[in-house]
Amino acid sequence: MSTPGPWSREEEVHVTAELIAAYAAAIGEEASASSSGLPAPPMFAAVYAAPAIWQTVVAAVDGSGPLIHGAQEFEWYAPVLVGDRIATRARLDGSSVDGAYRSLRFCSISRNERRRLVSRGRWTILVPEGGL
């Protein structure tokens, strides 16, 4: 695919202390962000961008088949705080076939409720050709 796909609809995540604590517990860390104004951990970007990315991935693979998480990479522009509402859009940026896998590359853009750019993400999903 040489041209990027269309942008997904915007998906919004309301950042709460509980959501950050659940993320921290899932990765084996203590939650440092709370209503005290400390920012969420940087990789929390995977949480608030996930609904838009998943919507785009499902559309790209027609909702079926096994998927392998290949990679993700983020650039951060503003801290994410408890109480923020982060809106994310995503799109398929390209694809290629390498041996037994189709590699799908996606990008995401996330903004807070003030429309300030919070982060950009790049994601790679591998789809086995012919299944696992």
Protein backbone atom coordinates (compact mmCIF):
# COMPACT_ATOMS: atom_id res chain seq x y z
CA MET A 1 0.00 0.00 0.00
CA SER A 2 1.62 3.22 -1.09
CA THR A 3 -0.93 5.74 0.17
CA PRO A 4 -2.17 5.99 3.75
CA GLY A 5 -5.69 4.87 4.55
CA PRO A 6 -8.40 7.13 5.93
CA TRP A 7 -8.33 8.38 9.50
CA SER A 8 -10.50 6.50 11.97
CA ARG A 9 -13.28 8.17 13.87
CA GLU A 10 -12.05 9.89 17.01
CA GLU A 11 -12.01 7.72 20.14
CA GLU A 12 -11.95 9.49 23.51
CA VAL A 13 -10.57 8.14 26.79
CA HIS A 14 -11.20 9.92 30.10
CA VAL A 15 -8.02 9.62 32.18
CA THR A 16 -8.74 8.68 35.78
CA ALA A 17 -6.50 7.80 38.70
CA GLU A 18 -8.08 4.33 38.65
CA LEU A 19 -7.25 3.82 34.97
CA ILE A 20 -3.64 4.83 35.55
CA ALA A 21 -3.45 2.57 38.63
CA ALA A 22 -4.81 -0.38 36.60
CA TYR A 23 -2.21 0.27 33.89
CA ALA A 24 0.57 0.49 36.48
CA ALA A 25 -0.56 -2.77 38.14
CA ALA A 26 -0.63 -4.51 34.74
CA ILE A 27 3.01 -3.61 34.08
CA GLY A 28 4.16 -4.25 37.66
CA GLU A 29 4.72 -0.62 38.66
CA GLU A 30 3.27 1.63 41.32
CA ALA A 31 0.92 4.32 40.09
CA SER A 32 2.55 7.70 40.60
CA ALA A 33 -0.10 9.81 38.91
CA SER A 34 -3.14 10.77 40.87
CA SER A 35 -5.27 13.81 41.49
CA SER A 36 -2.07 15.45 42.79
CA GLY A 37 -1.19 16.54 39.27
CA LEU A 38 1.63 14.12 38.49
CA PRO A 39 1.57 12.99 34.87
CA ALA A 40 0.67 9.49 33.73
CA PRO A 41 3.61 7.26 32.74
CA PRO A 42 4.68 7.91 29.14
CA MET A 43 3.75 4.44 27.86
CA PHE A 44 0.20 5.03 29.14
CA ALA A 45 -0.13 6.31 25.57
CA ALA A 46 -0.80 2.69 24.60
CA VAL A 47 -3.93 2.78 26.79
CA TYR A 48 -5.55 5.94 25.48
CA ALA A 49 -4.63 5.25 21.85
CA ALA A 50 -5.72 1.60 21.89
CA PRO A 51 -9.43 2.09 21.01
CA ALA A 52 -8.60 4.03 17.83
CA ILE A 53 -5.78 1.66 16.87
CA TRP A 54 -7.93 -1.41 17.46
CA GLN A 55 -10.75 0.05 15.34
CA THR A 56 -8.26 0.59 12.50
CA VAL A 57 -6.60 -2.82 12.86
CA VAL A 58 -9.93 -4.66 12.77
CA ALA A 59 -10.93 -2.77 9.62
CA ALA A 60 -7.58 -3.57 7.96
CA VAL A 61 -7.82 -7.33 8.61
CA ASP A 62 -11.58 -7.58 8.06
CA GLY A 63 -12.06 -8.45 11.72
CA SER A 64 -10.64 -11.96 11.50
CA GLY A 65 -7.46 -13.93 11.85
CA PRO A 66 -4.62 -14.12 14.34
CA LEU A 67 -2.58 -10.99 14.98
CA ILE A 68 0.90 -10.50 16.41
CA HIS A 69 1.94 -7.25 18.05
CA GLY A 70 5.16 -6.35 16.27
CA ALA A 71 6.18 -2.96 17.65
CA GLN A 72 5.03 0.38 18.95
CA GLU A 73 6.84 3.68 19.23
CA PHE A 74 5.68 7.02 20.62
CA GLU A 75 6.66 10.68 20.54
CA TRP A 76 5.30 12.77 23.41
CA TYR A 77 4.42 16.46 23.27
CA ALA A 78 2.46 17.19 26.47
CA PRO A 79 1.93 15.43 29.80
CA VAL A 80 -1.29 13.49 30.39
CA LEU A 81 -2.96 14.23 33.72
CA VAL A 82 -5.84 12.77 35.67
CA GLY A 83 -8.98 14.44 34.40
CA ASP A 84 -7.73 14.85 30.82
CA ARG A 85 -9.89 13.62 27.98
CA ILE A 86 -7.63 12.26 25.28
CA ALA A 87 -9.03 11.90 21.77
CA THR A 88 -7.16 9.70 19.31
CA ARG A 89 -7.45 9.01 15.59
CA ALA A 90 -5.53 6.32 13.75
CA ARG A 91 -4.95 5.14 10.21
CA LEU A 92 -3.22 2.41 8.27
CA ASP A 93 0.04 3.90 6.96
CA GLY A 94 1.21 0.99 4.85
CA SER A 95 1.68 -2.72 4.50
CA SER A 96 4.15 -5.19 3.09
CA VAL A 97 4.66 -8.93 2.92
CA ASP A 98 7.85 -10.38 4.36
CA GLY A 99 8.03 -14.14 4.14
CA ALA A 100 5.17 -15.72 6.06
CA TYR A 101 3.83 -12.43 7.48
CA ARG A 102 1.98 -9.39 6.26
CA SER A 103 3.25 -6.35 8.15
CA LEU A 104 0.69 -3.60 8.75
CA ARG A 105 1.96 -0.18 9.85
CA PHE A 106 -0.38 2.22 11.62
CA CYS A 107 -0.05 5.71 13.06
CA SER A 108 -2.04 7.47 15.76
CA ILE A 109 -2.41 11.10 16.82
CA SER A 110 -3.73 11.95 20.28
CA ARG A 111 -4.90 15.35 21.55
CA ASN A 112 -6.25 16.50 24.88
CA GLU A 113 -9.55 18.32 25.39
CA ARG A 114 -7.79 21.63 24.67
CA ARG A 115 -6.85 20.09 21.26
CA ARG A 116 -3.18 20.21 22.23
CA LEU A 117 -1.10 17.46 20.64
CA VAL A 118 -0.23 14.93 23.34
CA SER A 119 1.42 12.11 21.41
CA ARG A 120 1.99 10.44 18.07
CA GLY A 121 2.32 6.69 17.81
CA ARG A 122 3.58 4.20 15.26
CA TRP A 123 2.41 0.61 15.54
CA THR A 124 3.26 -2.56 13.64
CA ILE A 125 0.94 -5.56 13.55
CA LEU A 126 1.95 -8.82 11.90
CA VAL A 127 -0.64 -11.04 10.26
CA PRO A 128 0.48 -14.57 9.47
CA GLU A 129 -0.19 -15.43 5.82
CA GLY A 130 -2.40 -18.52 5.95
CA GLY A 131 -2.93 -18.35 9.76
CA LEU A 132 -0.85 -19.69 12.62
